[in-house]
Protein backbone atom coordinates (compact mmCIF):
# COMPACT_ATOMS: atom_id res chain seq x y z
CA UNK A 1 61.51 51.62 -88.02
CA UNK A 2 58.06 52.20 -86.52
CA UNK A 3 56.51 52.43 -89.98
CA UNK A 4 58.10 49.12 -90.92
CA UNK A 5 56.62 47.37 -87.86
CA UNK A 6 53.13 48.68 -88.62
CA UNK A 7 53.44 47.51 -92.24
CA UNK A 8 54.46 44.02 -91.15
CA UNK A 9 51.50 43.83 -88.70
CA UNK A 10 49.04 44.81 -91.40
CA UNK A 11 50.50 42.29 -93.85
CA UNK A 12 50.42 39.56 -91.18
CA UNK A 13 46.68 40.02 -90.77
CA UNK A 14 45.98 39.92 -94.47
CA UNK A 15 45.94 36.91 -96.77
CA UNK A 16 45.73 37.56 -100.48
CA UNK A 17 44.59 41.11 -99.81
CA UNK A 18 41.83 39.98 -97.39
CA UNK A 19 41.68 41.35 -93.86
CA UNK A 20 41.49 38.16 -91.78
CA UNK A 21 40.45 39.98 -88.61
CA UNK A 22 37.56 41.72 -90.34
CA UNK A 23 36.54 38.43 -91.99
CA UNK A 24 36.42 36.62 -88.64
CA UNK A 25 34.44 39.51 -87.16
CA UNK A 26 31.82 39.40 -89.94
CA UNK A 27 31.62 35.58 -89.77
CA UNK A 28 30.95 35.78 -86.04
CA UNK A 29 28.07 38.21 -86.50
CA UNK A 30 26.72 36.22 -89.44
CA UNK A 31 26.60 33.05 -87.34
CA UNK A 32 25.15 35.03 -84.43
CA UNK A 33 22.25 36.09 -86.65
CA UNK A 34 21.81 32.83 -88.56
CA UNK A 35 21.62 30.44 -85.59
CA UNK A 36 18.47 32.03 -84.08
CA UNK A 37 16.90 31.99 -87.55
CA UNK A 38 17.70 28.29 -87.94
CA UNK A 39 16.27 27.58 -84.48
CA UNK A 40 13.11 29.50 -85.36
CA UNK A 41 12.68 27.59 -88.64
CA UNK A 42 13.19 24.26 -86.87
CA UNK A 43 10.59 25.22 -84.25
CA UNK A 44 8.08 26.20 -86.94
CA UNK A 45 8.68 22.93 -88.80
CA UNK A 46 8.10 20.96 -85.59
CA UNK A 47 4.94 22.92 -84.88
CA UNK A 48 3.62 22.28 -88.39
CA UNK A 49 4.34 18.56 -88.04
CA UNK A 50 2.47 18.49 -84.70
CA UNK A 51 -0.53 20.24 -86.22
CA UNK A 52 -0.65 17.71 -89.07
CA UNK A 53 -0.77 14.81 -86.61
CA UNK A 54 -3.38 16.53 -84.42
CA UNK A 55 -5.51 17.22 -87.52
CA UNK A 56 -5.21 13.56 -88.53
CA UNK A 57 -6.27 12.43 -85.03
CA UNK A 58 -9.29 14.75 -85.05
CA UNK A 59 -10.49 13.42 -88.41
CA UNK A 60 -9.93 9.82 -87.29
CA UNK A 61 -11.64 9.98 -83.88
CA UNK A 62 -14.07 12.87 -84.30
CA UNK A 63 -12.70 14.61 -81.20
CA UNK A 64 -11.16 18.00 -80.51
CA UNK A 65 -7.58 17.24 -79.47
CA UNK A 66 -5.82 19.54 -76.98
CA UNK A 67 -2.26 19.00 -75.80
CA UNK A 68 -0.66 19.96 -72.51
CA UNK A 69 2.85 18.61 -72.81
CA UNK A 70 5.57 19.83 -70.47
CA UNK A 71 9.12 18.92 -71.28
CA UNK A 72 12.40 20.52 -70.41
CA UNK A 73 12.98 22.85 -73.33
CA UNK A 74 15.85 25.00 -74.51
CA UNK A 75 15.63 28.61 -75.61
CA UNK A 76 17.55 29.94 -78.60
CA UNK A 77 20.88 28.69 -79.85
CA UNK A 78 22.46 29.09 -76.41
CA UNK A 79 20.43 26.07 -75.23
CA UNK A 80 19.27 27.59 -71.94
CA UNK A 81 17.02 24.95 -70.28
CA UNK A 82 13.50 25.94 -69.24
CA UNK A 83 11.48 23.66 -66.96
CA UNK A 84 7.76 23.56 -67.73
CA UNK A 85 4.87 22.88 -65.37
CA UNK A 86 1.15 23.68 -65.11
CA UNK A 87 0.78 27.43 -64.60
CA UNK A 88 -1.88 30.10 -65.03
CA UNK A 89 -0.95 30.66 -68.67
CA UNK A 90 -1.66 26.97 -69.32
CA UNK A 91 -5.04 27.20 -67.63
CA UNK A 92 -5.95 30.27 -69.70
CA UNK A 93 -5.05 28.52 -72.96
CA UNK A 94 -6.73 25.21 -72.11
CA UNK A 95 -9.88 26.92 -70.83
CA UNK A 96 -10.01 28.93 -74.05
CA UNK A 97 -9.67 25.73 -76.10
CA UNK A 98 -12.43 24.00 -74.09
CA UNK A 99 -14.68 27.05 -74.34
CA UNK A 100 -14.26 27.17 -78.12
CA UNK A 101 -15.13 23.49 -78.52
CA UNK A 102 -18.76 22.96 -79.63
CA UNK A 103 -20.84 21.41 -76.86
CA UNK A 104 -21.57 18.27 -78.89
CA UNK A 105 -17.91 17.64 -79.83
CA UNK A 106 -15.89 15.28 -77.58
CA UNK A 107 -12.56 16.48 -76.17
CA UNK A 108 -9.33 14.50 -76.00
CA UNK A 109 -6.72 16.10 -73.72
CA UNK A 110 -3.19 14.74 -74.09
CA UNK A 111 -1.36 15.09 -70.76
CA UNK A 112 2.38 14.85 -70.15
CA UNK A 113 3.28 16.86 -67.08
CA UNK A 114 5.00 16.72 -63.67
CA UNK A 115 2.18 18.83 -62.20
CA UNK A 116 2.18 22.46 -61.15
CA UNK A 117 -0.05 25.08 -59.55
CA UNK A 118 -3.14 23.73 -57.80
CA UNK A 119 -5.22 26.71 -58.90
CA UNK A 120 -4.37 26.24 -62.57
CA UNK A 121 -4.90 22.45 -62.49
CA UNK A 122 -8.21 22.83 -60.65
CA UNK A 123 -9.46 25.38 -63.18
CA UNK A 124 -8.66 23.04 -66.06
CA UNK A 125 -10.22 20.04 -64.28
CA UNK A 126 -13.46 21.86 -63.51
CA UNK A 127 -13.75 23.27 -67.04
CA UNK A 128 -13.17 19.84 -68.52
CA UNK A 129 -15.74 18.35 -66.15
CA UNK A 130 -18.38 20.87 -67.27
CA UNK A 131 -18.00 20.16 -70.98
CA UNK A 132 -21.23 18.32 -71.92
CA UNK A 133 -19.75 15.96 -74.52
CA UNK A 134 -17.42 13.04 -73.84
CA UNK A 135 -14.02 13.83 -72.33
CA UNK A 136 -10.92 11.65 -72.66
CA UNK A 137 -7.55 12.15 -70.94
CA UNK A 138 -4.68 10.54 -72.86
CA UNK A 139 -1.50 9.82 -70.90
CA UNK A 140 1.36 8.30 -72.92
CA UNK A 141 3.96 8.51 -70.15
CA UNK A 142 2.99 10.35 -66.96
CA UNK A 143 0.63 12.94 -65.51
CA UNK A 144 1.64 13.60 -61.93
CA UNK A 145 0.07 15.75 -59.21
CA UNK A 146 -2.02 18.43 -60.96
CA UNK A 147 -1.97 16.32 -64.12
CA UNK A 148 -3.66 13.53 -62.17
CA UNK A 149 -6.37 15.92 -60.97
CA UNK A 150 -7.10 16.91 -64.57
CA UNK A 151 -7.21 13.27 -65.66
CA UNK A 152 -9.78 12.49 -62.95
CA UNK A 153 -12.17 15.00 -64.58
CA UNK A 154 -12.31 12.98 -67.82
CA UNK A 155 -14.95 10.33 -68.56
CA UNK A 156 -12.21 7.95 -69.72
CA UNK A 157 -8.47 7.76 -69.18
CA UNK A 158 -6.37 6.32 -71.99
CA UNK A 159 -2.94 5.28 -70.72
CA UNK A 160 0.07 3.43 -71.96
CA UNK A 161 0.43 0.19 -69.99
CA UNK A 162 3.55 1.64 -68.34
CA UNK A 163 2.20 5.17 -67.83
CA UNK A 164 1.51 6.46 -64.33
CA UNK A 165 -0.45 9.03 -62.36
CA UNK A 166 0.60 10.46 -58.99
CA UNK A 167 -0.71 11.29 -55.50
CA UNK A 168 -2.56 14.54 -54.82
CA UNK A 169 -1.29 15.39 -51.36
CA UNK A 170 -0.89 19.21 -51.30
CA UNK A 171 2.61 20.62 -51.06
CA UNK A 172 3.00 23.49 -48.58
CA UNK A 173 5.41 26.33 -49.36
CA UNK A 174 7.67 27.18 -46.44
CA UNK A 175 9.67 30.03 -47.93
CA UNK A 176 11.92 31.08 -50.80
CA UNK A 177 14.70 28.72 -51.91
CA UNK A 178 13.21 25.90 -49.83
CA UNK A 179 11.42 22.82 -51.14
CA UNK A 180 7.71 22.56 -50.33
CA UNK A 181 6.61 20.16 -47.60
CA UNK A 182 3.87 17.53 -48.01
CA UNK A 183 0.78 18.60 -46.09
CA UNK A 184 0.19 15.22 -44.37
CA UNK A 185 3.77 15.22 -43.06
CA UNK A 186 3.41 18.74 -41.68
CA UNK A 187 0.29 17.70 -39.77
CA UNK A 188 2.00 14.56 -38.50
CA UNK A 189 5.02 16.49 -37.20
CA UNK A 190 2.77 19.03 -35.46
CA UNK A 191 0.89 16.24 -33.69
CA UNK A 192 4.11 14.48 -32.67
CA UNK A 193 5.55 17.66 -31.18
CA UNK A 194 2.32 18.51 -29.38
CA UNK A 195 2.83 21.35 -26.92
CA UNK A 196 6.47 21.67 -28.01
CA UNK A 197 5.49 22.74 -31.53
CA UNK A 198 6.44 26.35 -32.28
CA UNK A 199 4.15 28.91 -33.88
CA UNK A 200 5.55 28.32 -37.38
CA UNK A 201 4.78 24.61 -37.26
CA UNK A 202 1.30 25.27 -35.92
CA UNK A 203 0.56 27.76 -38.68
CA UNK A 204 1.89 25.37 -41.33
CA UNK A 205 -0.20 22.55 -39.88
CA UNK A 206 -3.32 24.74 -40.01
CA UNK A 207 -2.63 25.61 -43.66
CA UNK A 208 -1.91 21.94 -44.42
CA UNK A 209 -5.25 20.80 -42.98
CA UNK A 210 -7.10 23.37 -45.07
CA UNK A 211 -5.15 22.41 -48.20
CA UNK A 212 -6.01 18.72 -47.79
CA UNK A 213 -9.68 19.51 -47.18
CA UNK A 214 -9.82 21.73 -50.26
CA UNK A 215 -8.10 19.18 -52.46
CA UNK A 216 -10.45 16.41 -51.34
CA UNK A 217 -13.42 18.66 -52.08
CA UNK A 218 -12.15 19.29 -55.63
CA UNK A 219 -11.52 15.58 -56.23
CA UNK A 220 -15.03 14.66 -55.11
CA UNK A 221 -16.46 17.31 -57.44
CA UNK A 222 -14.60 16.08 -60.53
CA UNK A 223 -15.52 12.46 -59.73
CA UNK A 224 -19.21 13.30 -59.35
CA UNK A 225 -21.32 11.14 -61.65
CA UNK A 226 -18.56 8.59 -62.22
CA UNK A 227 -19.00 6.74 -58.92
CA UNK A 228 -21.07 6.96 -55.71
CA UNK A 229 -20.18 9.90 -53.46
CA UNK A 230 -18.95 7.61 -50.70
CA UNK A 231 -16.52 5.97 -53.10
CA UNK A 232 -15.40 9.36 -54.46
CA UNK A 233 -14.65 10.50 -50.92
CA UNK A 234 -12.64 7.32 -50.33
CA UNK A 235 -10.62 7.91 -53.54
CA UNK A 236 -10.00 11.50 -52.44
CA UNK A 237 -8.77 10.31 -49.04
CA UNK A 238 -6.44 7.71 -50.58
CA UNK A 239 -4.88 10.23 -52.95
CA UNK A 240 -4.32 12.93 -50.32
CA UNK A 241 -3.65 11.19 -47.00
CA UNK A 242 0.11 10.87 -47.49
CA UNK A 243 0.39 7.09 -47.71
CA UNK A 244 2.84 7.65 -50.59
CA UNK A 245 5.53 10.20 -51.38
CA UNK A 246 4.46 12.88 -53.83
CA UNK A 247 6.37 11.30 -56.73
CA UNK A 248 5.02 7.77 -56.16
CA UNK A 249 3.93 6.19 -59.48
CA UNK A 250 0.30 5.04 -59.44
CA UNK A 251 0.05 2.36 -62.12
CA UNK A 252 -2.79 1.39 -64.43
CA UNK A 253 -3.81 -1.53 -62.21
CA UNK A 254 -3.94 0.68 -59.12
CA UNK A 255 -6.03 3.26 -60.97
CA UNK A 256 -8.51 0.58 -62.01
CA UNK A 257 -8.74 -0.56 -58.37
CA UNK A 258 -9.80 2.98 -57.47
CA UNK A 259 -12.82 2.49 -59.74
CA UNK A 260 -11.75 4.72 -62.62
CA UNK A 261 -12.39 3.83 -66.25
CA UNK A 262 -9.02 3.17 -67.88
CA UNK A 263 -8.15 2.05 -71.40
CA UNK A 264 -4.64 0.95 -72.38
CA UNK A 265 -4.98 1.12 -76.15
CA UNK A 266 -3.35 4.43 -77.14
CA UNK A 267 -3.29 5.41 -80.84
CA UNK A 268 0.14 5.13 -82.42
CA UNK A 269 -0.14 8.71 -83.62
CA UNK A 270 0.10 9.86 -79.99
CA UNK A 271 3.60 8.40 -79.66
CA UNK A 272 4.60 9.99 -82.96
CA UNK A 273 3.28 13.31 -81.68
CA UNK A 274 5.29 12.97 -78.46
CA UNK A 275 8.49 12.51 -80.45
CA UNK A 276 7.91 15.99 -81.88
CA UNK A 277 8.36 17.52 -78.42
CA UNK A 278 12.11 16.88 -78.02
CA UNK A 279 14.02 17.35 -74.80
CA UNK A 280 16.99 19.70 -74.62
CA UNK A 281 19.82 17.80 -76.30
CA UNK A 282 22.48 18.46 -73.71
CA UNK A 283 20.38 16.65 -71.10
CA UNK A 284 19.17 13.81 -73.29
CA UNK A 285 20.03 10.42 -71.73
CA UNK A 286 22.39 8.13 -73.59
CA UNK A 287 19.68 5.84 -74.91
CA UNK A 288 19.69 4.57 -78.48
CA UNK A 289 17.63 1.90 -80.25
CA UNK A 290 16.45 0.89 -83.69
CA UNK A 291 12.91 2.15 -84.28
CA UNK A 292 11.70 -1.10 -85.82
CA UNK A 293 12.17 -4.73 -84.68
CA UNK A 294 14.77 -6.64 -86.64
CA UNK A 295 13.45 -9.82 -88.20
CA UNK A 296 15.80 -12.77 -87.76
CA UNK A 297 17.38 -13.85 -91.00
CA UNK A 298 17.09 -17.46 -92.09
CA UNK A 299 20.57 -19.01 -92.24
CA UNK A 300 21.52 -20.11 -95.72
CA UNK A 301 23.02 -23.52 -96.39
CA UNK A 302 26.63 -23.41 -97.33
CA UNK A 303 27.44 -24.88 -100.71
CA UNK A 304 29.25 -28.20 -100.54
């Protein structure tokens, strides 16, 4: 009886002499190994396509093109999202690229970033400022916070007409798992509380004052030679005084009013290059459109 049950179980898991359970097991491991390989190949193909466009841009404009593009990316076939921002690794790579650029070769730095570490952004800005040849910052969509600081170091800023920069008010860390606080707001709260302010607020206010002073000093340094010092100090004050929230979009017209040299004619290849840095698909917004304008068709006369 027991032998008969075992025989029926074995036969139930076999089709045409094939062990279905073993087949499913091997298919699972095959897919587990193939998916990362497919992801790797796709990544390499994207990278090769980017390099072709960058090479074409360098031949066309006679500049050394460097990209610093931060998108939300996904890792492996599991699609784990990774949020990118300006960090020390970025500064190391960009500084290396600037250092390896011949002194008589102009640099074009493509920026697409929400910002990041002040130290890293300041290092990049100062290194870009020191390069003796022409420097251009290209912003197809946005370069906020630290990205704005880097853009200020360029001789020219090329922006899409709808692209934006952002304020440079320092953000003060108040502890783990807590959002940073804008330095001007910390100072304002400390003044409003006066004698009632506790030690933590007073310490934060002291750090905030130092952070604003340091940021203004860096801004004036990167703007040196582009405008009179008095005007550079005024620009630094406007960008750090807290008149806007940290994510406020500073438009092309506002940037021109600050006295910066802005050009709104971005090469089409830049937009093509940006399309090769895709967002994670599970978070892509539901936006679809035809890539080319549709020409209206001429109505035909009906036959009588």
